N, C-alpha and C. Protein backbone atom coordinates (compact mmCIF):
# COMPACT_ATOMS: atom_id res chain seq x y z
N MET A 1 -3.09 -3.74 14.68
CA MET A 1 -2.91 -4.72 13.61
C MET A 1 -4.15 -4.71 12.72
N LEU A 2 -3.94 -4.68 11.42
CA LEU A 2 -5.02 -4.69 10.46
C LEU A 2 -5.69 -6.06 10.44
N MET A 3 -6.98 -6.06 10.48
CA MET A 3 -7.73 -7.31 10.32
C MET A 3 -8.11 -7.42 8.85
N THR A 4 -7.57 -8.41 8.18
CA THR A 4 -7.82 -8.58 6.76
C THR A 4 -9.01 -9.50 6.55
N PRO A 5 -9.60 -9.46 5.36
CA PRO A 5 -10.75 -10.32 5.08
C PRO A 5 -10.32 -11.77 4.94
N LYS A 6 -11.29 -12.65 4.88
CA LYS A 6 -10.99 -14.05 4.64
C LYS A 6 -10.48 -14.22 3.21
N PRO A 7 -9.43 -15.01 3.03
CA PRO A 7 -8.90 -15.28 1.68
C PRO A 7 -9.95 -15.99 0.83
N PRO A 8 -9.83 -15.87 -0.48
CA PRO A 8 -8.73 -15.23 -1.21
C PRO A 8 -8.97 -13.73 -1.40
N TYR A 9 -7.88 -12.99 -1.47
CA TYR A 9 -7.87 -11.57 -1.82
C TYR A 9 -6.48 -11.27 -2.38
N TYR A 10 -6.27 -10.05 -2.81
CA TYR A 10 -5.00 -9.69 -3.43
C TYR A 10 -4.25 -8.67 -2.58
N ALA A 11 -2.93 -8.76 -2.61
CA ALA A 11 -2.07 -7.82 -1.91
C ALA A 11 -1.16 -7.14 -2.93
N VAL A 12 -1.13 -5.82 -2.89
CA VAL A 12 -0.17 -5.05 -3.67
C VAL A 12 0.93 -4.62 -2.70
N ILE A 13 2.13 -5.11 -2.92
CA ILE A 13 3.25 -4.89 -2.02
C ILE A 13 4.17 -3.85 -2.67
N PHE A 14 4.24 -2.68 -2.05
CA PHE A 14 5.02 -1.56 -2.57
C PHE A 14 6.19 -1.34 -1.62
N SER A 15 7.39 -1.71 -2.06
CA SER A 15 8.58 -1.48 -1.25
C SER A 15 9.37 -0.35 -1.91
N SER A 16 9.91 0.54 -1.08
CA SER A 16 10.55 1.73 -1.64
C SER A 16 11.71 2.19 -0.78
N HIS A 17 12.52 3.02 -1.39
CA HIS A 17 13.56 3.74 -0.66
C HIS A 17 13.40 5.21 -1.01
N ARG A 18 13.15 6.02 0.01
CA ARG A 18 12.87 7.44 -0.15
C ARG A 18 14.13 8.25 -0.41
N THR A 19 13.94 9.40 -1.03
CA THR A 19 15.00 10.39 -1.14
C THR A 19 15.14 11.07 0.22
N THR A 20 16.14 11.90 0.37
CA THR A 20 16.37 12.56 1.66
C THR A 20 15.68 13.91 1.77
N HIS A 21 14.91 14.31 0.78
CA HIS A 21 14.23 15.60 0.83
C HIS A 21 12.71 15.42 0.65
N ALA A 22 11.98 16.49 0.81
CA ALA A 22 10.53 16.54 0.59
C ALA A 22 9.73 15.70 1.57
N SER A 23 10.20 15.54 2.80
CA SER A 23 9.49 14.68 3.74
C SER A 23 8.12 15.22 4.14
N ASP A 24 7.97 16.54 4.31
CA ASP A 24 6.66 17.09 4.64
C ASP A 24 5.68 16.88 3.50
N GLU A 25 6.14 17.13 2.29
CA GLU A 25 5.31 16.94 1.10
C GLU A 25 4.95 15.47 0.93
N TYR A 26 5.90 14.59 1.21
CA TYR A 26 5.66 13.15 1.10
C TYR A 26 4.57 12.71 2.09
N ALA A 27 4.67 13.15 3.32
CA ALA A 27 3.69 12.76 4.34
C ALA A 27 2.28 13.18 3.93
N LYS A 28 2.16 14.38 3.41
CA LYS A 28 0.85 14.88 2.96
C LYS A 28 0.33 14.04 1.80
N ALA A 29 1.19 13.76 0.82
CA ALA A 29 0.78 12.97 -0.34
C ALA A 29 0.39 11.55 0.07
N ALA A 30 1.14 10.94 0.97
CA ALA A 30 0.83 9.59 1.43
C ALA A 30 -0.52 9.56 2.13
N GLU A 31 -0.78 10.53 2.98
CA GLU A 31 -2.07 10.60 3.68
C GLU A 31 -3.21 10.74 2.68
N GLU A 32 -3.02 11.59 1.68
CA GLU A 32 -4.04 11.77 0.64
C GLU A 32 -4.28 10.49 -0.14
N MET A 33 -3.21 9.75 -0.45
CA MET A 33 -3.36 8.51 -1.21
C MET A 33 -4.10 7.44 -0.41
N PHE A 34 -3.80 7.34 0.89
CA PHE A 34 -4.53 6.37 1.72
C PHE A 34 -6.01 6.73 1.78
N ALA A 35 -6.32 8.02 1.91
CA ALA A 35 -7.72 8.46 1.97
C ALA A 35 -8.41 8.21 0.63
N LEU A 36 -7.75 8.54 -0.45
CA LEU A 36 -8.34 8.35 -1.78
C LEU A 36 -8.50 6.86 -2.09
N GLY A 37 -7.45 6.08 -1.83
CA GLY A 37 -7.51 4.65 -2.12
C GLY A 37 -8.60 3.94 -1.34
N SER A 38 -8.83 4.37 -0.11
CA SER A 38 -9.83 3.71 0.73
C SER A 38 -11.24 3.90 0.20
N GLN A 39 -11.44 4.84 -0.71
CA GLN A 39 -12.74 5.08 -1.32
C GLN A 39 -12.92 4.31 -2.63
N GLU A 40 -11.87 3.66 -3.10
CA GLU A 40 -11.92 2.93 -4.36
C GLU A 40 -12.71 1.63 -4.22
N PRO A 41 -13.43 1.24 -5.28
CA PRO A 41 -14.11 -0.06 -5.25
C PRO A 41 -13.10 -1.19 -5.04
N GLY A 42 -13.42 -2.12 -4.16
CA GLY A 42 -12.58 -3.28 -3.94
C GLY A 42 -11.46 -3.10 -2.94
N TYR A 43 -11.26 -1.89 -2.42
CA TYR A 43 -10.22 -1.64 -1.43
C TYR A 43 -10.62 -2.31 -0.12
N LEU A 44 -9.68 -3.06 0.47
CA LEU A 44 -9.96 -3.80 1.70
C LEU A 44 -9.17 -3.31 2.91
N GLY A 45 -8.08 -2.56 2.69
CA GLY A 45 -7.28 -2.07 3.81
C GLY A 45 -5.82 -1.94 3.41
N HIS A 46 -5.00 -1.53 4.39
CA HIS A 46 -3.56 -1.39 4.12
C HIS A 46 -2.78 -1.49 5.42
N GLU A 47 -1.49 -1.74 5.25
CA GLU A 47 -0.51 -1.71 6.33
C GLU A 47 0.73 -1.03 5.77
N SER A 48 1.45 -0.27 6.61
CA SER A 48 2.60 0.44 6.11
C SER A 48 3.63 0.62 7.23
N VAL A 49 4.91 0.45 6.88
CA VAL A 49 6.02 0.68 7.81
C VAL A 49 7.16 1.37 7.06
N ARG A 50 7.93 2.18 7.80
CA ARG A 50 9.09 2.84 7.21
C ARG A 50 10.14 2.97 8.29
N ASP A 51 11.41 2.76 7.93
CA ASP A 51 12.48 2.89 8.92
C ASP A 51 13.09 4.29 8.88
N ALA A 52 14.03 4.53 9.74
CA ALA A 52 14.63 5.86 9.90
C ALA A 52 15.50 6.28 8.72
N VAL A 53 15.93 5.34 7.90
CA VAL A 53 16.80 5.70 6.77
C VAL A 53 16.06 5.73 5.44
N GLY A 54 14.72 5.62 5.47
CA GLY A 54 13.94 5.82 4.26
C GLY A 54 13.42 4.58 3.57
N ALA A 55 13.73 3.39 4.04
CA ALA A 55 13.19 2.18 3.44
C ALA A 55 11.79 1.94 4.00
N GLY A 56 10.87 1.53 3.13
CA GLY A 56 9.51 1.29 3.60
C GLY A 56 8.80 0.25 2.78
N ILE A 57 7.74 -0.27 3.37
CA ILE A 57 6.87 -1.23 2.70
C ILE A 57 5.43 -0.85 3.02
N THR A 58 4.63 -0.74 1.99
CA THR A 58 3.19 -0.55 2.14
C THR A 58 2.50 -1.68 1.41
N VAL A 59 1.55 -2.31 2.07
CA VAL A 59 0.76 -3.37 1.45
C VAL A 59 -0.69 -2.91 1.46
N THR A 60 -1.29 -2.88 0.27
CA THR A 60 -2.72 -2.61 0.18
C THR A 60 -3.42 -3.89 -0.22
N TYR A 61 -4.65 -4.05 0.26
CA TYR A 61 -5.41 -5.28 0.02
C TYR A 61 -6.64 -4.95 -0.83
N TRP A 62 -6.89 -5.85 -1.79
CA TRP A 62 -7.95 -5.62 -2.79
C TRP A 62 -8.74 -6.90 -3.04
N ASP A 63 -9.95 -6.73 -3.53
CA ASP A 63 -10.79 -7.89 -3.81
C ASP A 63 -10.57 -8.49 -5.19
N SER A 64 -9.94 -7.75 -6.12
CA SER A 64 -9.76 -8.27 -7.49
C SER A 64 -8.60 -7.58 -8.19
N LEU A 65 -8.08 -8.25 -9.21
CA LEU A 65 -7.04 -7.65 -10.05
C LEU A 65 -7.60 -6.47 -10.83
N GLU A 66 -8.87 -6.55 -11.22
CA GLU A 66 -9.50 -5.46 -11.97
C GLU A 66 -9.53 -4.17 -11.15
N ASN A 67 -9.86 -4.28 -9.86
CA ASN A 67 -9.90 -3.08 -9.02
C ASN A 67 -8.51 -2.54 -8.71
N ILE A 68 -7.51 -3.42 -8.67
CA ILE A 68 -6.13 -2.95 -8.53
C ILE A 68 -5.75 -2.12 -9.76
N GLN A 69 -6.11 -2.59 -10.94
CA GLN A 69 -5.79 -1.87 -12.17
C GLN A 69 -6.51 -0.52 -12.22
N LYS A 70 -7.77 -0.49 -11.77
CA LYS A 70 -8.51 0.78 -11.73
C LYS A 70 -7.80 1.77 -10.81
N TRP A 71 -7.33 1.30 -9.65
CA TRP A 71 -6.62 2.18 -8.73
C TRP A 71 -5.32 2.68 -9.35
N LYS A 72 -4.60 1.79 -10.02
CA LYS A 72 -3.33 2.18 -10.64
C LYS A 72 -3.52 3.31 -11.64
N THR A 73 -4.65 3.32 -12.33
CA THR A 73 -4.89 4.31 -13.37
C THR A 73 -5.80 5.46 -12.92
N ASN A 74 -6.12 5.55 -11.63
CA ASN A 74 -6.88 6.66 -11.08
C ASN A 74 -6.12 7.95 -11.36
N ALA A 75 -6.80 8.99 -11.86
CA ALA A 75 -6.13 10.23 -12.29
C ALA A 75 -5.32 10.88 -11.17
N GLU A 76 -5.88 10.97 -9.97
CA GLU A 76 -5.14 11.59 -8.85
C GLU A 76 -3.96 10.72 -8.43
N HIS A 77 -4.15 9.40 -8.50
CA HIS A 77 -3.06 8.49 -8.16
C HIS A 77 -1.92 8.63 -9.17
N LEU A 78 -2.25 8.80 -10.45
CA LEU A 78 -1.23 8.98 -11.48
C LEU A 78 -0.36 10.22 -11.21
N VAL A 79 -0.97 11.30 -10.72
CA VAL A 79 -0.22 12.51 -10.39
C VAL A 79 0.77 12.23 -9.27
N ILE A 80 0.32 11.53 -8.22
CA ILE A 80 1.19 11.22 -7.09
C ILE A 80 2.28 10.23 -7.51
N GLN A 81 1.95 9.27 -8.40
CA GLN A 81 2.97 8.35 -8.90
C GLN A 81 4.10 9.12 -9.58
N LYS A 82 3.74 10.12 -10.38
CA LYS A 82 4.77 10.92 -11.05
C LYS A 82 5.60 11.69 -10.03
N MET A 83 4.94 12.26 -9.01
CA MET A 83 5.69 12.96 -7.95
C MET A 83 6.65 11.99 -7.26
N GLY A 84 6.21 10.77 -7.06
CA GLY A 84 7.06 9.76 -6.44
C GLY A 84 8.33 9.53 -7.23
N ARG A 85 8.17 9.35 -8.55
CA ARG A 85 9.35 9.12 -9.40
C ARG A 85 10.23 10.36 -9.48
N ASP A 86 9.61 11.54 -9.53
CA ASP A 86 10.38 12.79 -9.68
C ASP A 86 11.01 13.27 -8.38
N THR A 87 10.36 13.02 -7.24
CA THR A 87 10.76 13.67 -6.00
C THR A 87 10.96 12.74 -4.81
N PHE A 88 10.03 11.82 -4.58
CA PHE A 88 9.98 11.10 -3.31
C PHE A 88 10.89 9.88 -3.21
N TYR A 89 11.11 9.17 -4.32
CA TYR A 89 11.76 7.86 -4.24
C TYR A 89 13.07 7.80 -5.00
N GLU A 90 14.03 7.09 -4.41
CA GLU A 90 15.23 6.68 -5.12
C GLU A 90 14.90 5.48 -6.00
N GLU A 91 14.06 4.59 -5.46
CA GLU A 91 13.60 3.42 -6.21
C GLU A 91 12.39 2.83 -5.50
N TYR A 92 11.63 2.05 -6.27
CA TYR A 92 10.53 1.29 -5.67
C TYR A 92 10.28 0.03 -6.47
N HIS A 93 9.62 -0.91 -5.83
CA HIS A 93 9.25 -2.18 -6.45
C HIS A 93 7.79 -2.46 -6.09
N VAL A 94 7.04 -2.98 -7.05
CA VAL A 94 5.65 -3.34 -6.81
C VAL A 94 5.47 -4.82 -7.13
N LYS A 95 4.86 -5.52 -6.20
CA LYS A 95 4.55 -6.94 -6.40
C LYS A 95 3.07 -7.11 -6.10
N ILE A 96 2.40 -7.95 -6.88
CA ILE A 96 0.99 -8.24 -6.67
C ILE A 96 0.87 -9.73 -6.44
N ALA A 97 0.22 -10.08 -5.34
CA ALA A 97 0.11 -11.49 -4.96
C ALA A 97 -1.33 -11.82 -4.58
N LYS A 98 -1.72 -13.03 -4.86
CA LYS A 98 -3.02 -13.53 -4.40
C LYS A 98 -2.81 -14.23 -3.06
N VAL A 99 -3.53 -13.80 -2.07
CA VAL A 99 -3.44 -14.40 -0.74
C VAL A 99 -4.49 -15.51 -0.68
N GLU A 100 -4.01 -16.72 -0.56
CA GLU A 100 -4.92 -17.86 -0.53
C GLU A 100 -5.12 -18.42 0.87
N ARG A 101 -4.18 -18.11 1.75
CA ARG A 101 -4.26 -18.59 3.13
C ARG A 101 -3.54 -17.61 4.03
N GLU A 102 -4.04 -17.47 5.22
CA GLU A 102 -3.36 -16.65 6.21
C GLU A 102 -3.68 -17.19 7.59
N TYR A 103 -2.85 -16.85 8.54
CA TYR A 103 -3.16 -17.16 9.93
C TYR A 103 -2.54 -16.11 10.81
N HIS A 104 -2.96 -16.11 12.05
CA HIS A 104 -2.57 -15.06 12.98
C HIS A 104 -2.37 -15.68 14.36
N TRP A 105 -1.42 -15.14 15.08
CA TRP A 105 -1.22 -15.56 16.46
C TRP A 105 -1.02 -14.32 17.31
N SER A 106 -1.58 -14.34 18.48
CA SER A 106 -1.28 -13.34 19.51
C SER A 106 -1.52 -13.98 20.87
N LYS A 107 -1.07 -13.35 21.90
CA LYS A 107 -1.28 -13.88 23.24
C LYS A 107 -2.76 -13.95 23.59
N PHE A 108 -3.55 -13.14 22.93
CA PHE A 108 -4.96 -13.01 23.28
C PHE A 108 -5.90 -13.71 22.32
N HIS A 109 -5.40 -14.07 21.15
CA HIS A 109 -6.28 -14.68 20.13
C HIS A 109 -5.43 -15.54 19.20
N GLU A 110 -5.94 -16.67 18.83
CA GLU A 110 -5.23 -17.54 17.90
C GLU A 110 -6.22 -18.09 16.90
N ASP A 111 -5.89 -17.96 15.60
CA ASP A 111 -6.69 -18.64 14.60
C ASP A 111 -5.78 -19.23 13.54
N ASN A 112 -5.98 -20.46 13.22
CA ASN A 112 -5.16 -21.17 12.23
C ASN A 112 -6.05 -21.55 11.08
């Protein structure tokens, strides 16, 4: 489980439905994007899940809207975004939210 910073921070929620082809190429591109994004100013972490039929959600965490915008316009990220529209995705949605409060529960740790 990702440990996120203390609020407030921003979440970019990317939900998508993949095409049925290019899975090897997609995996490589996704790995590259996580590595590249993690080097960006203001990057705080990410979480990602995908089901067997191609639906997925990736959430990246950022310290500011300005750094989210810088990441969106990163030259290498722009290339992968185009590949996504041309090859990887049937559709996607992006939502940006400010996280003002969070809490966590587990059998071993609880914080409210």
